[in-house]
Each structure stands twice: as C-alpha cells, then as structure tokens.
Amino acid sequence: MLRRYLIVNGTMTLLLYGAFFALVPSAPNLLQSVRATFDAVLMESPILGPLVNRIILVSGNFAG
C-alpha cells in the first residue's frame, strides 16, 4: 500500500512539475510581458499616464 502511494504520488508530482515548467514562461519573458502590459495600461489611462511619466522622468533626472 505504501509502495503504491509513493509511486502514484511521485508520478503525479513529476507530471505536475513538468506541466508547470512547460506552460509557464521563463522569468525574464514573464517580467517583460508584465512590464509591457503595465506600459500599455498606462498609455491608455488619461490620469495615470502623465502622473507616472512625470514621476519616472523627475526621479530619473535626480538619480544622476
């Protein structure tokens, strides 16, 4: 009984990890996708777009 439990759980764990790594994009691509989506939403927003652009530009000028 324990042997069957270990075999079934081990197999299911391998399948789930394999599916996860096959379906989820790599971390750099995921971060680029999130950044692109965030930029697109900001460009569409008449309120957030100018506010965020001013904060980034002003803080970028003081950084050095």
PDB file of N, CA and C in Angstrom:
ATOM      1  N   MET A   1       0.829  -1.202   0.000  1.00  0.00           N
ATOM      2  CA  MET A   1       0.000   0.000   0.000  1.00  0.00           C
ATOM      3  C   MET A   1       0.866   1.255   0.000  1.00  0.00           C
ATOM      4  N   LEU A   2       1.887   1.293   0.854  1.00  0.00           N
ATOM      5  CA  LEU A   2       2.781   2.444   0.904  1.00  0.00           C
ATOM      6  C   LEU A   2       3.556   2.581  -0.404  1.00  0.00           C
ATOM      7  N   ARG A   3       3.954   1.462  -0.961  1.00  0.00           N
ATOM      8  CA  ARG A   3       4.697   1.479  -2.212  1.00  0.00           C
ATOM      9  C   ARG A   3       3.839   2.060  -3.339  1.00  0.00           C
ATOM     10  N   ARG A   4       2.582   1.648  -3.411  1.00  0.00           N
ATOM     11  CA  ARG A   4       1.673   2.186  -4.429  1.00  0.00           C
ATOM     12  C   ARG A   4       1.470   3.681  -4.218  1.00  0.00           C
ATOM     13  N   TYR A   5       1.316   4.107  -2.982  1.00  0.00           N
ATOM     14  CA  TYR A   5       1.142   5.519  -2.652  1.00  0.00           C
ATOM     15  C   TYR A   5       2.348   6.329  -3.125  1.00  0.00           C
ATOM     16  N   LEU A   6       3.548   5.836  -2.846  1.00  0.00           N
ATOM     17  CA  LEU A   6       4.754   6.546  -3.248  1.00  0.00           C
ATOM     18  C   LEU A   6       4.900   6.599  -4.769  1.00  0.00           C
ATOM     19  N   ILE A   7       4.573   5.525  -5.436  1.00  0.00           N
ATOM     20  CA  ILE A   7       4.670   5.505  -6.900  1.00  0.00           C
ATOM     21  C   ILE A   7       3.668   6.484  -7.518  1.00  0.00           C
ATOM     22  N   VAL A   8       2.440   6.437  -7.051  1.00  0.00           N
ATOM     23  CA  VAL A   8       1.403   7.320  -7.602  1.00  0.00           C
ATOM     24  C   VAL A   8       1.732   8.776  -7.305  1.00  0.00           C
ATOM     25  N   ASN A   9       2.103   9.097  -6.085  1.00  0.00           N
ATOM     26  CA  ASN A   9       2.413  10.490  -5.741  1.00  0.00           C
ATOM     27  C   ASN A   9       3.666  10.971  -6.456  1.00  0.00           C
ATOM     28  N   GLY A  10       4.662  10.126  -6.577  1.00  0.00           N
ATOM     29  CA  GLY A  10       5.876  10.516  -7.297  1.00  0.00           C
ATOM     30  C   GLY A  10       5.596  10.795  -8.759  1.00  0.00           C
ATOM     31  N   THR A  11       4.790   9.939  -9.375  1.00  0.00           N
ATOM     32  CA  THR A  11       4.435  10.128 -10.785  1.00  0.00           C
ATOM     33  C   THR A  11       3.615  11.396 -10.978  1.00  0.00           C
ATOM     34  N   MET A  12       2.641  11.605 -10.118  1.00  0.00           N
ATOM     35  CA  MET A  12       1.811  12.808 -10.238  1.00  0.00           C
ATOM     36  C   MET A  12       2.620  14.077  -9.995  1.00  0.00           C
ATOM     37  N   THR A  13       3.547  14.029  -9.050  1.00  0.00           N
ATOM     38  CA  THR A  13       4.397  15.183  -8.783  1.00  0.00           C
ATOM     39  C   THR A  13       5.258  15.507 -10.000  1.00  0.00           C
ATOM     40  N   LEU A  14       5.842  14.498 -10.608  1.00  0.00           N
ATOM     41  CA  LEU A  14       6.648  14.722 -11.812  1.00  0.00           C
ATOM     42  C   LEU A  14       5.808  15.297 -12.952  1.00  0.00           C
ATOM     43  N   LEU A  15       4.602  14.774 -13.130  1.00  0.00           N
ATOM     44  CA  LEU A  15       3.732  15.286 -14.178  1.00  0.00           C
ATOM     45  C   LEU A  15       3.323  16.731 -13.928  1.00  0.00           C
ATOM     46  N   LEU A  16       2.998  17.055 -12.693  1.00  0.00           N
ATOM     47  CA  LEU A  16       2.602  18.428 -12.373  1.00  0.00           C
ATOM     48  C   LEU A  16       3.762  19.410 -12.546  1.00  0.00           C
ATOM     49  N   TYR A  17       4.950  19.031 -12.071  1.00  0.00           N
ATOM     50  CA  TYR A  17       6.112  19.901 -12.260  1.00  0.00           C
ATOM     51  C   TYR A  17       6.434  20.051 -13.744  1.00  0.00           C
ATOM     52  N   GLY A  18       6.350  18.967 -14.493  1.00  0.00           N
ATOM     53  CA  GLY A  18       6.607  19.043 -15.930  1.00  0.00           C
ATOM     54  C   GLY A  18       5.623  19.952 -16.640  1.00  0.00           C
ATOM     55  N   ALA A  19       4.348  19.838 -16.296  1.00  0.00           N
ATOM     56  CA  ALA A  19       3.326  20.700 -16.898  1.00  0.00           C
ATOM     57  C   ALA A  19       3.542  22.155 -16.513  1.00  0.00           C
ATOM     58  N   PHE A  20       3.905  22.391 -15.276  1.00  0.00           N
ATOM     59  CA  PHE A  20       4.133  23.761 -14.815  1.00  0.00           C
ATOM     60  C   PHE A  20       5.273  24.408 -15.591  1.00  0.00           C
ATOM     61  N   PHE A  21       6.398  23.717 -15.690  1.00  0.00           N
ATOM     62  CA  PHE A  21       7.548  24.291 -16.383  1.00  0.00           C
ATOM     63  C   PHE A  21       7.332  24.369 -17.888  1.00  0.00           C
ATOM     64  N   ALA A  22       6.459  23.538 -18.434  1.00  0.00           N
ATOM     65  CA  ALA A  22       6.173  23.599 -19.865  1.00  0.00           C
ATOM     66  C   ALA A  22       5.222  24.753 -20.197  1.00  0.00           C
ATOM     67  N   LEU A  23       4.294  25.055 -19.305  1.00  0.00           N
ATOM     68  CA  LEU A  23       3.277  26.060 -19.591  1.00  0.00           C
ATOM     69  C   LEU A  23       3.646  27.466 -19.131  1.00  0.00           C
ATOM     70  N   VAL A  24       4.444  27.590 -18.088  1.00  0.00           N
ATOM     71  CA  VAL A  24       4.795  28.902 -17.555  1.00  0.00           C
ATOM     72  C   VAL A  24       6.034  29.398 -18.278  1.00  0.00           C
ATOM     73  N   PRO A  25       5.991  30.625 -18.791  1.00  0.00           N
ATOM     74  CA  PRO A  25       7.165  31.149 -19.485  1.00  0.00           C
ATOM     75  C   PRO A  25       8.313  31.402 -18.509  1.00  0.00           C
ATOM     76  N   SER A  26       9.486  31.566 -19.061  1.00  0.00           N
ATOM     77  CA  SER A  26      10.648  31.805 -18.208  1.00  0.00           C
ATOM     78  C   SER A  26      10.516  33.156 -17.509  1.00  0.00           C
ATOM     79  N   ALA A  27      11.260  33.351 -16.442  1.00  0.00           N
ATOM     80  CA  ALA A  27      11.129  34.556 -15.618  1.00  0.00           C
ATOM     81  C   ALA A  27      11.417  35.843 -16.392  1.00  0.00           C
ATOM     82  N   PRO A  28      12.486  35.932 -17.178  1.00  0.00           N
ATOM     83  CA  PRO A  28      12.708  37.185 -17.913  1.00  0.00           C
ATOM     84  C   PRO A  28      11.576  37.504 -18.891  1.00  0.00           C
ATOM     85  N   ASN A  29      11.071  36.504 -19.581  1.00  0.00           N
ATOM     86  CA  ASN A  29       9.961  36.745 -20.504  1.00  0.00           C
ATOM     87  C   ASN A  29       8.702  37.145 -19.753  1.00  0.00           C
ATOM     88  N   LEU A  30       8.479  36.540 -18.601  1.00  0.00           N
ATOM     89  CA  LEU A  30       7.315  36.886 -17.791  1.00  0.00           C
ATOM     90  C   LEU A  30       7.404  38.333 -17.318  1.00  0.00           C
ATOM     91  N   LEU A  31       8.593  38.757 -16.868  1.00  0.00           N
ATOM     92  CA  LEU A  31       8.762  40.135 -16.416  1.00  0.00           C
ATOM     93  C   LEU A  31       8.594  41.127 -17.566  1.00  0.00           C
ATOM     94  N   GLN A  32       9.101  40.788 -18.747  1.00  0.00           N
ATOM     95  CA  GLN A  32       8.926  41.661 -19.902  1.00  0.00           C
ATOM     96  C   GLN A  32       7.451  41.771 -20.277  1.00  0.00           C
ATOM     97  N   SER A  33       6.740  40.683 -20.188  1.00  0.00           N
ATOM     98  CA  SER A  33       5.315  40.687 -20.514  1.00  0.00           C
ATOM     99  C   SER A  33       4.529  41.548 -19.531  1.00  0.00           C
ATOM    100  N   VAL A  34       4.841  41.414 -18.248  1.00  0.00           N
ATOM    101  CA  VAL A  34       4.163  42.224 -17.231  1.00  0.00           C
ATOM    102  C   VAL A  34       4.468  43.701 -17.448  1.00  0.00           C
ATOM    103  N   ARG A  35       5.724  44.012 -17.742  1.00  0.00           N
ATOM    104  CA  ARG A  35       6.124  45.401 -17.982  1.00  0.00           C
ATOM    105  C   ARG A  35       5.411  45.976 -19.205  1.00  0.00           C
ATOM    106  N   ALA A  36       5.325  45.207 -20.284  1.00  0.00           N
ATOM    107  CA  ALA A  36       4.650  45.665 -21.498  1.00  0.00           C
ATOM    108  C   ALA A  36       3.165  45.896 -21.242  1.00  0.00           C
ATOM    109  N   THR A  37       2.536  45.009 -20.492  1.00  0.00           N
ATOM    110  CA  THR A  37       1.122  45.173 -20.163  1.00  0.00           C
ATOM    111  C   THR A  37       0.913  46.411 -19.305  1.00  0.00           C
ATOM    112  N   PHE A  38       1.796  46.617 -18.324  1.00  0.00           N
ATOM    113  CA  PHE A  38       1.709  47.784 -17.450  1.00  0.00           C
ATOM    114  C   PHE A  38       1.875  49.070 -18.256  1.00  0.00           C
ATOM    115  N   ASP A  39       2.851  49.098 -19.178  1.00  0.00           N
ATOM    116  CA  ASP A  39       3.061  50.281 -20.015  1.00  0.00           C
ATOM    117  C   ASP A  39       1.851  50.537 -20.910  1.00  0.00           C
ATOM    118  N   ALA A  40       1.266  49.481 -21.456  1.00  0.00           N
ATOM    119  CA  ALA A  40       0.095  49.645 -22.315  1.00  0.00           C
ATOM    120  C   ALA A  40      -1.092  50.210 -21.533  1.00  0.00           C
ATOM    121  N   VAL A  41      -1.288  49.734 -20.325  1.00  0.00           N
ATOM    122  CA  VAL A  41      -2.387  50.244 -19.496  1.00  0.00           C
ATOM    123  C   VAL A  41      -2.149  51.701 -19.152  1.00  0.00           C
ATOM    124  N   LEU A  42      -0.903  52.070 -18.860  1.00  0.00           N
ATOM    125  CA  LEU A  42      -0.604  53.462 -18.535  1.00  0.00           C
ATOM    126  C   LEU A  42      -0.816  54.382 -19.732  1.00  0.00           C
ATOM    127  N   MET A  43      -0.474  53.927 -20.913  1.00  0.00           N
ATOM    128  CA  MET A  43      -0.664  54.751 -22.104  1.00  0.00           C
ATOM    129  C   MET A  43      -2.143  54.994 -22.389  1.00  0.00           C
ATOM    130  N   GLU A  44      -2.985  54.026 -22.043  1.00  0.00           N
ATOM    131  CA  GLU A  44      -4.423  54.155 -22.286  1.00  0.00           C
ATOM    132  C   GLU A  44      -5.113  55.015 -21.227  1.00  0.00           C
ATOM    133  N   SER A  45      -4.515  55.138 -20.060  1.00  0.00           N
ATOM    134  CA  SER A  45      -5.161  55.853 -18.968  1.00  0.00           C
ATOM    135  C   SER A  45      -4.840  57.352 -19.053  1.00  0.00           C
ATOM    136  N   PRO A  46      -5.865  58.204 -19.137  1.00  0.00           N
ATOM    137  CA  PRO A  46      -5.604  59.637 -19.219  1.00  0.00           C
ATOM    138  C   PRO A  46      -5.122  60.238 -17.892  1.00  0.00           C
ATOM    139  N   ILE A  47      -5.351  59.545 -16.791  1.00  0.00           N
ATOM    140  CA  ILE A  47      -4.951  60.074 -15.489  1.00  0.00           C
ATOM    141  C   ILE A  47      -3.600  59.514 -15.060  1.00  0.00           C
ATOM    142  N   LEU A  48      -3.445  58.188 -15.147  1.00  0.00           N
ATOM    143  CA  LEU A  48      -2.217  57.558 -14.661  1.00  0.00           C
ATOM    144  C   LEU A  48      -1.024  57.786 -15.578  1.00  0.00           C
ATOM    145  N   GLY A  49      -1.258  57.888 -16.893  1.00  0.00           N
ATOM    146  CA  GLY A  49      -0.151  58.048 -17.846  1.00  0.00           C
ATOM    147  C   GLY A  49       0.722  59.250 -17.540  1.00  0.00           C
ATOM    148  N   PRO A  50       0.175  60.459 -17.520  1.00  0.00           N
ATOM    149  CA  PRO A  50       1.001  61.637 -17.237  1.00  0.00           C
ATOM    150  C   PRO A  50       1.592  61.625 -15.832  1.00  0.00           C
ATOM    151  N   LEU A  51       0.853  61.113 -14.864  1.00  0.00           N
ATOM    152  CA  LEU A  51       1.343  61.079 -13.488  1.00  0.00           C
ATOM    153  C   LEU A  51       2.568  60.185 -13.366  1.00  0.00           C
ATOM    154  N   VAL A  52       2.487  58.984 -13.892  1.00  0.00           N
ATOM    155  CA  VAL A  52       3.611  58.048 -13.794  1.00  0.00           C
ATOM    156  C   VAL A  52       4.777  58.522 -14.632  1.00  0.00           C
ATOM    157  N   ASN A  53       4.527  59.070 -15.817  1.00  0.00           N
ATOM    158  CA  ASN A  53       5.622  59.566 -16.651  1.00  0.00           C
ATOM    159  C   ASN A  53       6.366  60.712 -15.970  1.00  0.00           C
ATOM    160  N   ARG A  54       5.669  61.598 -15.304  1.00  0.00           N
ATOM    161  CA  ARG A  54       6.339  62.687 -14.591  1.00  0.00           C
ATOM    162  C   ARG A  54       7.169  62.159 -13.430  1.00  0.00           C
ATOM    163  N   ILE A  55       6.644  61.193 -12.699  1.00  0.00           N
ATOM    164  CA  ILE A  55       7.387  60.634 -11.567  1.00  0.00           C
ATOM    165  C   ILE A  55       8.644  59.959 -12.057  1.00  0.00           C
ATOM    166  N   ILE A  56       8.555  59.179 -13.123  1.00  0.00           N
ATOM    167  CA  ILE A  56       9.722  58.475 -13.643  1.00  0.00           C
ATOM    168  C   ILE A  56      10.728  59.470 -14.215  1.00  0.00           C
ATOM    169  N   LEU A  57      10.271  60.454 -14.973  1.00  0.00           N
ATOM    170  CA  LEU A  57      11.205  61.409 -15.573  1.00  0.00           C
ATOM    171  C   LEU A  57      11.884  62.269 -14.514  1.00  0.00           C
ATOM    172  N   VAL A  58      11.118  62.748 -13.547  1.00  0.00           N
ATOM    173  CA  VAL A  58      11.708  63.582 -12.493  1.00  0.00           C
ATOM    174  C   VAL A  58      12.651  62.781 -11.634  1.00  0.00           C
ATOM    175  N   SER A  59      12.270  61.595 -11.224  1.00  0.00           N
ATOM    176  CA  SER A  59      13.170  60.787 -10.387  1.00  0.00           C
ATOM    177  C   SER A  59      14.383  60.332 -11.181  1.00  0.00           C
ATOM    178  N   GLY A  60      14.252  60.129 -12.496  1.00  0.00           N
ATOM    179  CA  GLY A  60      15.383  59.759 -13.333  1.00  0.00           C
ATOM    180  C   GLY A  60      16.389  60.892 -13.455  1.00  0.00           C
ATOM    181  N   ASN A  61      15.918  62.149 -13.465  1.00  0.00           N
ATOM    182  CA  ASN A  61      16.830  63.291 -13.554  1.00  0.00           C
ATOM    183  C   ASN A  61      17.632  63.478 -12.266  1.00  0.00           C
ATOM    184  N   PHE A  62      17.040  63.185 -11.134  1.00  0.00           N
ATOM    185  CA  PHE A  62      17.743  63.341  -9.866  1.00  0.00           C
ATOM    186  C   PHE A  62      18.681  62.193  -9.560  1.00  0.00           C
ATOM    187  N   ALA A  63      18.501  61.068 -10.240  1.00  0.00           N
ATOM    188  CA  ALA A  63      19.311  59.892  -9.954  1.00  0.00           C
ATOM    189  C   ALA A  63      20.765  60.076 -10.386  1.00  0.00           C
ATOM    190  N   GLY A  64      20.985  60.921 -11.341  1.00  0.00           N
ATOM    191  CA  GLY A  64      22.383  61.107 -11.597  1.00  0.00           C
ATOM    192  C   GLY A  64      22.790  61.415 -12.944  1.00  0.00           C
TER     193      GLY A  64
END
